[in-house]
Amino acid sequence: MPIKERLKKALRLFLIFLKIGAFTFGGGYAMIPLIEYETTEKRKLIEKEEISDIVAIAESTPGPIAINSATFVGYRTAGVLGAAAATLGVVLPSFVIILLIAFFLRHIMDNRIVQYAFFGIRAGVLALIVKAVVSFWKRAEHNVFSWCVMVAAFLWAAILDWNVIALIALCGLAGFVYCLVQRKRGAMQ
């Protein structure tokens, strides 16, 4: 594909994802239906079947699902240049908004109303974290092994304050070894 055509596709992707990033609120999962509509129905950049695969891959790779989806759609549509353009488009609105908030926040942080608002925001964030813990707990397997890993991980992270990345890697390794042992015993499929 000639460079002029690739640049044109990349600009088109940038503008599509800039609009998605600027006008979608509610996080990455709220963006998925709009990404699907814009790329499959409205613009016909990819097939409907492909978007399901892209979302599945985006969900299972590290990073925010909306950014991953934009990157994969961009790559599928216009290669590396398309991936860069779509990613920049979806990220730029949030970046600018956060930059503006940070700039103004420094100037109003001493305001008592802002301090009270952040007191409430912290409480709300704590509630969301507890909700995430409850959701994970409901989906988790409940057995002696999972209890032991949970307690050990909690002690490691909360009390001993050791490296969380190493913690995740060790928990993953423990789960892998546990499943191998269970499979050899015939307890797992």
N, C-alpha and C. Protein backbone atom coordinates (compact mmCIF):
# COMPACT_ATOMS: atom_id res chain seq x y z
N MET A 1 0.84 -1.16 0.00
CA MET A 1 0.00 0.00 0.00
C MET A 1 0.90 1.24 0.00
N PRO A 2 0.63 2.19 -0.88
CA PRO A 2 1.46 3.41 -0.96
C PRO A 2 1.40 4.21 0.35
N ILE A 3 2.47 4.92 0.63
CA ILE A 3 2.58 5.68 1.88
C ILE A 3 1.47 6.71 2.02
N LYS A 4 1.09 7.34 0.91
CA LYS A 4 0.04 8.36 0.97
C LYS A 4 -1.28 7.75 1.44
N GLU A 5 -1.59 6.57 0.96
CA GLU A 5 -2.81 5.89 1.35
C GLU A 5 -2.75 5.45 2.82
N ARG A 6 -1.57 4.97 3.26
CA ARG A 6 -1.41 4.58 4.66
C ARG A 6 -1.56 5.78 5.59
N LEU A 7 -1.00 6.92 5.19
CA LEU A 7 -1.14 8.14 6.00
C LEU A 7 -2.60 8.59 6.07
N LYS A 8 -3.30 8.47 4.95
CA LYS A 8 -4.71 8.85 4.91
C LYS A 8 -5.53 7.95 5.85
N LYS A 9 -5.26 6.63 5.81
CA LYS A 9 -5.96 5.69 6.69
C LYS A 9 -5.60 5.97 8.15
N ALA A 10 -4.34 6.27 8.41
CA ALA A 10 -3.90 6.55 9.77
C ALA A 10 -4.59 7.80 10.31
N LEU A 11 -4.70 8.84 9.50
CA LEU A 11 -5.38 10.06 9.92
C LEU A 11 -6.85 9.78 10.20
N ARG A 12 -7.46 8.98 9.35
CA ARG A 12 -8.87 8.61 9.53
C ARG A 12 -9.05 7.86 10.86
N LEU A 13 -8.15 6.91 11.13
CA LEU A 13 -8.20 6.16 12.39
C LEU A 13 -8.00 7.09 13.58
N PHE A 14 -7.05 8.00 13.47
CA PHE A 14 -6.79 8.95 14.55
C PHE A 14 -8.05 9.74 14.87
N LEU A 15 -8.73 10.25 13.86
CA LEU A 15 -9.93 11.06 14.07
C LEU A 15 -11.08 10.24 14.65
N ILE A 16 -11.24 9.01 14.17
CA ILE A 16 -12.29 8.13 14.70
C ILE A 16 -12.06 7.88 16.18
N PHE A 17 -10.84 7.50 16.53
CA PHE A 17 -10.56 7.17 17.92
C PHE A 17 -10.43 8.40 18.81
N LEU A 18 -10.10 9.54 18.23
CA LEU A 18 -10.11 10.80 18.99
C LEU A 18 -11.54 11.10 19.44
N LYS A 19 -12.48 10.91 18.52
CA LYS A 19 -13.89 11.14 18.85
C LYS A 19 -14.36 10.15 19.92
N ILE A 20 -13.99 8.90 19.78
CA ILE A 20 -14.37 7.88 20.76
C ILE A 20 -13.78 8.23 22.12
N GLY A 21 -12.51 8.60 22.14
CA GLY A 21 -11.85 8.94 23.40
C GLY A 21 -12.40 10.19 24.05
N ALA A 22 -12.85 11.13 23.24
CA ALA A 22 -13.32 12.41 23.78
C ALA A 22 -14.76 12.35 24.28
N PHE A 23 -15.58 11.51 23.69
CA PHE A 23 -17.01 11.56 24.00
C PHE A 23 -17.56 10.32 24.68
N THR A 24 -16.70 9.40 25.08
CA THR A 24 -17.18 8.21 25.78
C THR A 24 -16.74 8.29 27.23
N PHE A 25 -17.70 8.22 28.12
CA PHE A 25 -17.42 8.25 29.55
C PHE A 25 -17.78 6.91 30.15
N GLY A 26 -17.11 6.55 31.22
CA GLY A 26 -17.43 5.30 31.90
C GLY A 26 -16.36 4.25 31.75
N GLY A 27 -15.22 4.60 31.20
CA GLY A 27 -14.12 3.65 31.12
C GLY A 27 -14.08 2.88 29.81
N GLY A 28 -13.11 1.98 29.75
CA GLY A 28 -12.83 1.22 28.54
C GLY A 28 -13.97 0.35 28.06
N TYR A 29 -14.67 -0.30 29.01
CA TYR A 29 -15.76 -1.18 28.60
C TYR A 29 -16.91 -0.38 27.99
N ALA A 30 -17.06 0.86 28.39
CA ALA A 30 -18.10 1.71 27.79
C ALA A 30 -17.74 2.09 26.36
N MET A 31 -16.46 2.05 26.03
CA MET A 31 -16.01 2.40 24.68
C MET A 31 -16.20 1.28 23.66
N ILE A 32 -16.25 0.05 24.13
CA ILE A 32 -16.30 -1.10 23.21
C ILE A 32 -17.47 -1.03 22.24
N PRO A 33 -18.71 -0.77 22.69
CA PRO A 33 -19.80 -0.69 21.71
C PRO A 33 -19.60 0.42 20.67
N LEU A 34 -19.03 1.53 21.09
CA LEU A 34 -18.78 2.62 20.15
C LEU A 34 -17.67 2.26 19.17
N ILE A 35 -16.63 1.59 19.67
CA ILE A 35 -15.55 1.13 18.78
C ILE A 35 -16.13 0.17 17.75
N GLU A 36 -16.98 -0.75 18.22
CA GLU A 36 -17.60 -1.72 17.31
C GLU A 36 -18.45 -1.00 16.27
N TYR A 37 -19.29 -0.07 16.71
CA TYR A 37 -20.16 0.64 15.78
C TYR A 37 -19.33 1.43 14.75
N GLU A 38 -18.38 2.20 15.23
CA GLU A 38 -17.59 3.06 14.34
C GLU A 38 -16.76 2.26 13.33
N THR A 39 -16.20 1.13 13.77
CA THR A 39 -15.28 0.40 12.89
C THR A 39 -15.93 -0.67 12.04
N THR A 40 -17.08 -1.21 12.48
CA THR A 40 -17.70 -2.28 11.69
C THR A 40 -18.94 -1.81 10.93
N GLU A 41 -19.82 -1.08 11.60
CA GLU A 41 -21.06 -0.69 10.96
C GLU A 41 -20.94 0.62 10.17
N LYS A 42 -20.45 1.64 10.82
CA LYS A 42 -20.42 2.96 10.20
C LYS A 42 -19.31 3.08 9.14
N ARG A 43 -18.10 2.67 9.48
CA ARG A 43 -16.95 2.87 8.57
C ARG A 43 -16.56 1.63 7.78
N LYS A 44 -17.03 0.47 8.22
CA LYS A 44 -16.72 -0.81 7.55
C LYS A 44 -15.21 -1.03 7.39
N LEU A 45 -14.46 -0.71 8.46
CA LEU A 45 -13.01 -0.90 8.43
C LEU A 45 -12.64 -2.36 8.67
N ILE A 46 -13.41 -3.03 9.51
CA ILE A 46 -13.19 -4.45 9.80
C ILE A 46 -14.53 -5.16 9.86
N GLU A 47 -14.49 -6.47 9.81
CA GLU A 47 -15.71 -7.28 9.86
C GLU A 47 -16.19 -7.43 11.30
N LYS A 48 -17.49 -7.66 11.46
CA LYS A 48 -18.07 -7.83 12.80
C LYS A 48 -17.42 -8.99 13.56
N GLU A 49 -17.10 -10.07 12.86
CA GLU A 49 -16.48 -11.22 13.51
C GLU A 49 -15.10 -10.87 14.05
N GLU A 50 -14.41 -9.98 13.34
CA GLU A 50 -13.06 -9.59 13.76
C GLU A 50 -13.08 -8.78 15.05
N ILE A 51 -14.10 -7.96 15.24
CA ILE A 51 -14.14 -7.11 16.43
C ILE A 51 -14.25 -7.96 17.69
N SER A 52 -14.97 -9.08 17.61
CA SER A 52 -15.07 -9.98 18.77
C SER A 52 -13.71 -10.54 19.13
N ASP A 53 -12.96 -10.95 18.12
CA ASP A 53 -11.61 -11.47 18.36
C ASP A 53 -10.70 -10.37 18.92
N ILE A 54 -10.81 -9.17 18.36
CA ILE A 54 -9.98 -8.05 18.82
C ILE A 54 -10.28 -7.72 20.28
N VAL A 55 -11.55 -7.70 20.64
CA VAL A 55 -11.92 -7.39 22.03
C VAL A 55 -11.42 -8.50 22.96
N ALA A 56 -11.54 -9.75 22.53
CA ALA A 56 -11.06 -10.87 23.36
C ALA A 56 -9.55 -10.76 23.58
N ILE A 57 -8.81 -10.43 22.53
CA ILE A 57 -7.36 -10.27 22.66
C ILE A 57 -7.04 -9.06 23.52
N ALA A 58 -7.75 -7.95 23.29
CA ALA A 58 -7.51 -6.72 24.06
C ALA A 58 -7.79 -6.94 25.54
N GLU A 59 -8.77 -7.76 25.85
CA GLU A 59 -9.13 -8.01 27.23
C GLU A 59 -8.10 -8.91 27.92
N SER A 60 -7.46 -9.76 27.15
CA SER A 60 -6.52 -10.71 27.76
C SER A 60 -5.07 -10.26 27.72
N THR A 61 -4.80 -9.09 27.16
CA THR A 61 -3.44 -8.56 27.16
C THR A 61 -3.34 -7.46 28.21
N PRO A 62 -2.13 -7.22 28.74
CA PRO A 62 -1.98 -6.18 29.76
C PRO A 62 -2.34 -4.80 29.21
N GLY A 63 -2.94 -3.99 30.04
CA GLY A 63 -3.28 -2.63 29.66
C GLY A 63 -4.78 -2.42 29.57
N PRO A 64 -5.18 -1.17 29.44
CA PRO A 64 -6.61 -0.84 29.35
C PRO A 64 -7.23 -1.40 28.07
N ILE A 65 -8.42 -1.95 28.19
CA ILE A 65 -9.07 -2.62 27.07
C ILE A 65 -9.35 -1.67 25.90
N ALA A 66 -9.73 -0.44 26.17
CA ALA A 66 -10.03 0.50 25.08
C ALA A 66 -8.77 0.84 24.29
N ILE A 67 -7.67 1.04 24.99
CA ILE A 67 -6.42 1.36 24.30
C ILE A 67 -5.94 0.16 23.51
N ASN A 68 -6.01 -1.03 24.12
CA ASN A 68 -5.61 -2.24 23.40
C ASN A 68 -6.48 -2.47 22.17
N SER A 69 -7.79 -2.25 22.32
CA SER A 69 -8.70 -2.43 21.18
C SER A 69 -8.37 -1.46 20.06
N ALA A 70 -8.13 -0.20 20.42
CA ALA A 70 -7.76 0.80 19.41
C ALA A 70 -6.48 0.39 18.69
N THR A 71 -5.51 -0.06 19.46
CA THR A 71 -4.23 -0.48 18.88
C THR A 71 -4.43 -1.64 17.90
N PHE A 72 -5.20 -2.65 18.31
CA PHE A 72 -5.41 -3.82 17.45
C PHE A 72 -6.22 -3.47 16.21
N VAL A 73 -7.26 -2.64 16.37
CA VAL A 73 -8.05 -2.22 15.20
C VAL A 73 -7.16 -1.42 14.25
N GLY A 74 -6.38 -0.49 14.81
CA GLY A 74 -5.48 0.30 13.97
C GLY A 74 -4.48 -0.56 13.22
N TYR A 75 -3.91 -1.55 13.91
CA TYR A 75 -2.94 -2.43 13.27
C TYR A 75 -3.60 -3.26 12.18
N ARG A 76 -4.78 -3.77 12.48
CA ARG A 76 -5.50 -4.60 11.49
C ARG A 76 -5.87 -3.79 10.26
N THR A 77 -6.15 -2.50 10.46
CA THR A 77 -6.60 -1.64 9.37
C THR A 77 -5.45 -1.04 8.56
N ALA A 78 -4.40 -0.58 9.25
CA ALA A 78 -3.33 0.14 8.55
C ALA A 78 -1.94 -0.15 9.10
N GLY A 79 -1.74 -1.31 9.67
CA GLY A 79 -0.42 -1.70 10.13
C GLY A 79 0.05 -0.90 11.34
N VAL A 80 1.36 -0.79 11.50
CA VAL A 80 1.96 -0.13 12.65
C VAL A 80 1.56 1.34 12.72
N LEU A 81 1.54 2.00 11.58
CA LEU A 81 1.15 3.41 11.55
C LEU A 81 -0.31 3.58 12.01
N GLY A 82 -1.17 2.69 11.58
CA GLY A 82 -2.57 2.72 12.01
C GLY A 82 -2.71 2.45 13.49
N ALA A 83 -1.91 1.50 14.01
CA ALA A 83 -1.94 1.20 15.44
C ALA A 83 -1.53 2.42 16.25
N ALA A 84 -0.47 3.08 15.82
CA ALA A 84 0.00 4.28 16.53
C ALA A 84 -1.04 5.40 16.47
N ALA A 85 -1.65 5.60 15.32
CA ALA A 85 -2.63 6.66 15.14
C ALA A 85 -3.88 6.41 15.99
N ALA A 86 -4.40 5.20 15.96
CA ALA A 86 -5.60 4.87 16.73
C ALA A 86 -5.33 4.97 18.23
N THR A 87 -4.18 4.48 18.64
CA THR A 87 -3.82 4.55 20.06
C THR A 87 -3.69 6.00 20.52
N LEU A 88 -2.99 6.81 19.76
CA LEU A 88 -2.84 8.22 20.11
C LEU A 88 -4.20 8.91 20.15
N GLY A 89 -5.05 8.59 19.19
CA GLY A 89 -6.38 9.20 19.14
C GLY A 89 -7.22 8.89 20.35
N VAL A 90 -7.21 7.66 20.82
CA VAL A 90 -8.05 7.28 21.96
C VAL A 90 -7.47 7.78 23.29
N VAL A 91 -6.16 7.96 23.36
CA VAL A 91 -5.50 8.37 24.60
C VAL A 91 -5.46 9.89 24.75
N LEU A 92 -5.32 10.61 23.67
CA LEU A 92 -5.10 12.05 23.72
C LEU A 92 -6.17 12.83 24.49
N PRO A 93 -7.47 12.58 24.30
CA PRO A 93 -8.46 13.35 25.06
C PRO A 93 -8.31 13.20 26.58
N SER A 94 -8.13 11.97 27.04
CA SER A 94 -7.96 11.74 28.48
C SER A 94 -6.69 12.41 28.99
N PHE A 95 -5.64 12.32 28.23
CA PHE A 95 -4.37 12.94 28.62
C PHE A 95 -4.53 14.45 28.79
N VAL A 96 -5.17 15.08 27.83
CA VAL A 96 -5.37 16.54 27.87
C VAL A 96 -6.26 16.92 29.05
N ILE A 97 -7.32 16.17 29.26
CA ILE A 97 -8.23 16.47 30.37
C ILE A 97 -7.52 16.32 31.71
N ILE A 98 -6.77 15.26 31.88
CA ILE A 98 -6.03 15.04 33.13
C ILE A 98 -4.97 16.12 33.32
N LEU A 99 -4.31 16.51 32.25
CA LEU A 99 -3.31 17.57 32.33
C LEU A 99 -3.94 18.88 32.78
N LEU A 100 -5.11 19.22 32.22
CA LEU A 100 -5.81 20.45 32.63
C LEU A 100 -6.26 20.38 34.09
N ILE A 101 -6.80 19.24 34.47
CA ILE A 101 -7.23 19.08 35.86
C ILE A 101 -6.03 19.22 36.80
N ALA A 102 -4.93 18.59 36.45
CA ALA A 102 -3.73 18.68 37.29
C ALA A 102 -3.25 20.12 37.39
N PHE A 103 -3.29 20.85 36.30
CA PHE A 103 -2.84 22.25 36.31
C PHE A 103 -3.72 23.09 37.23
N PHE A 104 -5.03 22.96 37.08
CA PHE A 104 -5.94 23.76 37.90
C PHE A 104 -6.01 23.27 39.33
N LEU A 105 -5.85 21.98 39.53
CA LEU A 105 -5.93 21.40 40.86
C LEU A 105 -4.84 21.96 41.76
N ARG A 106 -3.65 22.15 41.22
CA ARG A 106 -2.55 22.71 42.01
C ARG A 106 -2.93 24.08 42.56
N HIS A 107 -3.71 24.81 41.81
CA HIS A 107 -4.08 26.17 42.21
C HIS A 107 -5.25 26.21 43.19
N ILE A 108 -6.03 25.14 43.26
CA ILE A 108 -7.20 25.17 44.14
C ILE A 108 -7.15 24.11 45.24
N MET A 109 -6.03 23.42 45.39
CA MET A 109 -5.92 22.35 46.39
C MET A 109 -6.11 22.85 47.81
N ASP A 110 -5.81 24.10 48.08
CA ASP A 110 -5.96 24.64 49.43
C ASP A 110 -7.41 25.02 49.73
N ASN A 111 -8.25 25.02 48.73
CA ASN A 111 -9.65 25.36 48.90
C ASN A 111 -10.34 24.28 49.73
N ARG A 112 -11.04 24.68 50.78
CA ARG A 112 -11.67 23.73 51.68
C ARG A 112 -12.72 22.87 50.97
N ILE A 113 -13.46 23.42 50.05
CA ILE A 113 -14.48 22.67 49.31
C ILE A 113 -13.82 21.55 48.51
N VAL A 114 -12.69 21.85 47.87
CA VAL A 114 -11.96 20.83 47.10
C VAL A 114 -11.43 19.75 48.04
N GLN A 115 -10.94 20.14 49.20
CA GLN A 115 -10.45 19.15 50.16
C GLN A 115 -11.58 18.23 50.62
N TYR A 116 -12.75 18.80 50.87
CA TYR A 116 -13.90 17.98 51.27
C TYR A 116 -14.32 17.05 50.13
N ALA A 117 -14.27 17.55 48.92
CA ALA A 117 -14.62 16.72 47.76
C ALA A 117 -13.67 15.53 47.65
N PHE A 118 -12.39 15.76 47.85
CA PHE A 118 -11.43 14.66 47.77
C PHE A 118 -11.61 13.68 48.91
N PHE A 119 -12.06 14.16 50.06
CA PHE A 119 -12.37 13.26 51.17
C PHE A 119 -13.47 12.28 50.73
N GLY A 120 -14.49 12.80 50.08
CA GLY A 120 -15.57 11.95 49.57
C GLY A 120 -15.11 11.05 48.44
N ILE A 121 -14.27 11.58 47.56
CA ILE A 121 -13.76 10.77 46.44
C ILE A 121 -12.95 9.60 46.96
N ARG A 122 -12.10 9.83 47.95
CA ARG A 122 -11.30 8.73 48.52
C ARG A 122 -12.21 7.64 49.08
N ALA A 123 -13.28 8.05 49.76
CA ALA A 123 -14.23 7.08 50.30
C ALA A 123 -14.89 6.29 49.17
N GLY A 124 -15.25 6.99 48.10
CA GLY A 124 -15.86 6.32 46.95
C GLY A 124 -14.91 5.34 46.28
N VAL A 125 -13.66 5.73 46.15
CA VAL A 125 -12.66 4.84 45.55
C VAL A 125 -12.47 3.60 46.42
N LEU A 126 -12.43 3.80 47.72
CA LEU A 126 -12.31 2.66 48.63
C LEU A 126 -13.48 1.70 48.44
N ALA A 127 -14.68 2.24 48.28
CA ALA A 127 -15.86 1.40 48.05
C ALA A 127 -15.72 0.61 46.75
N LEU A 128 -15.19 1.25 45.70
CA LEU A 128 -14.99 0.55 44.43
C LEU A 128 -13.95 -0.55 44.56
N ILE A 129 -12.91 -0.31 45.34
CA ILE A 129 -11.89 -1.34 45.55
C ILE A 129 -12.50 -2.53 46.30
N VAL A 130 -13.30 -2.25 47.32
CA VAL A 130 -13.97 -3.32 48.06
C VAL A 130 -14.90 -4.11 47.14
N LYS A 131 -15.62 -3.40 46.28
CA LYS A 131 -16.50 -4.07 45.31
C LYS A 131 -15.70 -4.99 44.39
N ALA A 132 -14.53 -4.51 43.94
CA ALA A 132 -13.68 -5.35 43.09
C ALA A 132 -13.22 -6.59 43.84
N VAL A 133 -12.86 -6.43 45.11
CA VAL A 133 -12.44 -7.58 45.93
C VAL A 133 -13.58 -8.59 46.04
N VAL A 134 -14.79 -8.11 46.30
CA VAL A 134 -15.95 -9.00 46.42
C VAL A 134 -16.21 -9.71 45.10
N SER A 135 -16.11 -8.99 43.99
CA SER A 135 -16.33 -9.61 42.67
C SER A 135 -15.30 -10.69 42.39
N PHE A 136 -14.03 -10.40 42.67
CA PHE A 136 -12.98 -11.40 42.48
C PHE A 136 -13.23 -12.60 43.39
N TRP A 137 -13.63 -12.32 44.62
CA TRP A 137 -13.87 -13.39 45.58
C TRP A 137 -14.97 -14.33 45.09
N LYS A 138 -16.04 -13.77 44.54
CA LYS A 138 -17.14 -14.60 44.05
C LYS A 138 -16.71 -15.50 42.90
N ARG A 139 -15.81 -15.02 42.05
CA ARG A 139 -15.37 -15.80 40.90
C ARG A 139 -14.24 -16.76 41.23
N ALA A 140 -13.59 -16.55 42.38
CA ALA A 140 -12.42 -17.38 42.73
C ALA A 140 -12.86 -18.76 43.20
N GLU A 141 -11.92 -19.70 43.04
CA GLU A 141 -12.15 -21.04 43.55
C GLU A 141 -11.88 -21.00 45.06
N HIS A 142 -12.75 -21.62 45.83
CA HIS A 142 -12.62 -21.59 47.29
C HIS A 142 -12.17 -22.97 47.77
N ASN A 143 -10.88 -23.11 48.02
CA ASN A 143 -10.33 -24.35 48.58
C ASN A 143 -9.14 -23.99 49.47
N VAL A 144 -8.53 -24.97 50.07
CA VAL A 144 -7.41 -24.73 50.99
C VAL A 144 -6.27 -24.02 50.27
N PHE A 145 -5.98 -24.45 49.06
CA PHE A 145 -4.89 -23.82 48.31
C PHE A 145 -5.16 -22.33 48.08
N SER A 146 -6.35 -21.98 47.60
CA SER A 146 -6.65 -20.58 47.33
C SER A 146 -6.63 -19.74 48.61
N TRP A 147 -7.09 -20.31 49.73
CA TRP A 147 -7.02 -19.60 51.00
C TRP A 147 -5.57 -19.35 51.41
N CYS A 148 -4.73 -20.36 51.26
CA CYS A 148 -3.31 -20.21 51.63
C CYS A 148 -2.63 -19.15 50.76
N VAL A 149 -2.89 -19.18 49.46
CA VAL A 149 -2.29 -18.20 48.56
C VAL A 149 -2.80 -16.80 48.90
N MET A 150 -4.09 -16.67 49.18
CA MET A 150 -4.66 -15.37 49.50
C MET A 150 -4.04 -14.80 50.78
N VAL A 151 -3.95 -15.62 51.82
CA VAL A 151 -3.38 -15.14 53.09
C VAL A 151 -1.91 -14.77 52.91
N ALA A 152 -1.17 -15.63 52.23
CA ALA A 152 0.25 -15.35 52.00
C ALA A 152 0.44 -14.07 51.17
N ALA A 153 -0.37 -13.92 50.15
CA ALA A 153 -0.26 -12.72 49.30
C ALA A 153 -0.62 -11.47 50.08
N PHE A 154 -1.66 -11.56 50.91
CA PHE A 154 -2.04 -10.41 51.73
C PHE A 154 -0.91 -10.03 52.69
N LEU A 155 -0.35 -11.02 53.37
CA LEU A 155 0.75 -10.74 54.30
C LEU A 155 1.93 -10.12 53.56
N TRP A 156 2.25 -10.67 52.41
CA TRP A 156 3.36 -10.18 51.61
C TRP A 156 3.14 -8.72 51.21
N ALA A 157 1.96 -8.42 50.70
CA ALA A 157 1.69 -7.08 50.16
C ALA A 157 1.40 -6.06 51.25
N ALA A 158 0.56 -6.41 52.20
CA ALA A 158 0.08 -5.42 53.17
C ALA A 158 1.00 -5.25 54.37
N ILE A 159 1.54 -6.32 54.86
CA ILE A 159 2.32 -6.23 56.10
C ILE A 159 3.81 -6.14 55.82
N LEU A 160 4.31 -6.99 54.94
CA LEU A 160 5.75 -6.99 54.67
C LEU A 160 6.15 -5.95 53.64
N ASP A 161 5.17 -5.44 52.87
CA ASP A 161 5.41 -4.38 51.89
C ASP A 161 6.51 -4.75 50.89
N TRP A 162 6.47 -6.00 50.41
CA TRP A 162 7.44 -6.44 49.42
C TRP A 162 6.94 -6.12 48.02
N ASN A 163 7.75 -6.40 47.04
CA ASN A 163 7.48 -6.10 45.63
C ASN A 163 6.22 -6.81 45.14
N VAL A 164 5.24 -6.04 44.67
CA VAL A 164 3.96 -6.58 44.24
C VAL A 164 4.09 -7.35 42.92
N ILE A 165 4.97 -6.92 42.04
CA ILE A 165 5.16 -7.63 40.76
C ILE A 165 5.68 -9.03 41.03
N ALA A 166 6.64 -9.15 41.94
CA ALA A 166 7.14 -10.48 42.30
C ALA A 166 6.03 -11.31 42.93
N LEU A 167 5.18 -10.65 43.73
CA LEU A 167 4.04 -11.34 44.36
C LEU A 167 3.12 -11.94 43.31
N ILE A 168 2.77 -11.16 42.31
CA ILE A 168 1.88 -11.65 41.25
C ILE A 168 2.53 -12.81 40.51
N ALA A 169 3.81 -12.67 40.20
CA ALA A 169 4.52 -13.74 39.50
C ALA A 169 4.55 -15.02 40.34
N LEU A 170 4.83 -14.88 41.63
CA LEU A 170 4.87 -16.07 42.50
C LEU A 170 3.50 -16.70 42.66
N CYS A 171 2.45 -15.89 42.78
CA CYS A 171 1.10 -16.45 42.87
C CYS A 171 0.74 -17.19 41.58
N GLY A 172 1.10 -16.61 40.45
CA GLY A 172 0.87 -17.29 39.17
C GLY A 172 1.61 -18.60 39.09
N LEU A 173 2.86 -18.60 39.51
CA LEU A 173 3.67 -19.82 39.52
C LEU A 173 3.06 -20.86 40.46
N ALA A 174 2.63 -20.42 41.64
CA ALA A 174 2.00 -21.34 42.59
C ALA A 174 0.74 -21.96 41.99
N GLY A 175 -0.07 -21.14 41.33
CA GLY A 175 -1.28 -21.66 40.69
C GLY A 175 -0.96 -22.64 39.58
N PHE A 176 0.08 -22.35 38.80
CA PHE A 176 0.49 -23.24 37.72
C PHE A 176 0.94 -24.59 38.27
N VAL A 177 1.79 -24.56 39.30
CA VAL A 177 2.29 -25.80 39.91
C VAL A 177 1.12 -26.57 40.54
N TYR A 178 0.23 -25.87 41.22
CA TYR A 178 -0.93 -26.51 41.83
C TYR A 178 -1.77 -27.23 40.77
N CYS A 179 -2.02 -26.56 39.66
CA CYS A 179 -2.83 -27.17 38.60
C CYS A 179 -2.13 -28.37 37.97
N LEU A 180 -0.81 -28.28 37.81
CA LEU A 180 -0.06 -29.43 37.27
C LEU A 180 -0.18 -30.64 38.21
N VAL A 181 -0.02 -30.39 39.50
CA VAL A 181 -0.12 -31.47 40.48
C VAL A 181 -1.54 -32.06 40.48
N GLN A 182 -2.53 -31.19 40.45
CA GLN A 182 -3.92 -31.65 40.43
C GLN A 182 -4.22 -32.44 39.15
N ARG A 183 -3.69 -31.99 38.05
CA ARG A 183 -3.92 -32.67 36.77
C ARG A 183 -3.29 -34.08 36.81
N LYS A 184 -2.07 -34.17 37.38
CA LYS A 184 -1.42 -35.48 37.47
C LYS A 184 -2.22 -36.42 38.37
N ARG A 185 -2.84 -35.87 39.39
CA ARG A 185 -3.66 -36.68 40.27
C ARG A 185 -5.00 -37.04 39.65
N GLY A 186 -5.33 -36.38 38.55
CA GLY A 186 -6.61 -36.62 37.88
C GLY A 186 -7.76 -35.80 38.44
N ALA A 187 -7.42 -34.81 39.27
CA ALA A 187 -8.47 -33.99 39.88
C ALA A 187 -8.92 -32.84 39.00
N MET A 188 -8.14 -32.53 37.94
CA MET A 188 -8.49 -31.43 37.05
C MET A 188 -8.51 -31.94 35.61
N GLN A 189 -9.32 -31.28 34.79
CA GLN A 189 -9.37 -31.62 33.37
C GLN A 189 -8.32 -30.85 32.62
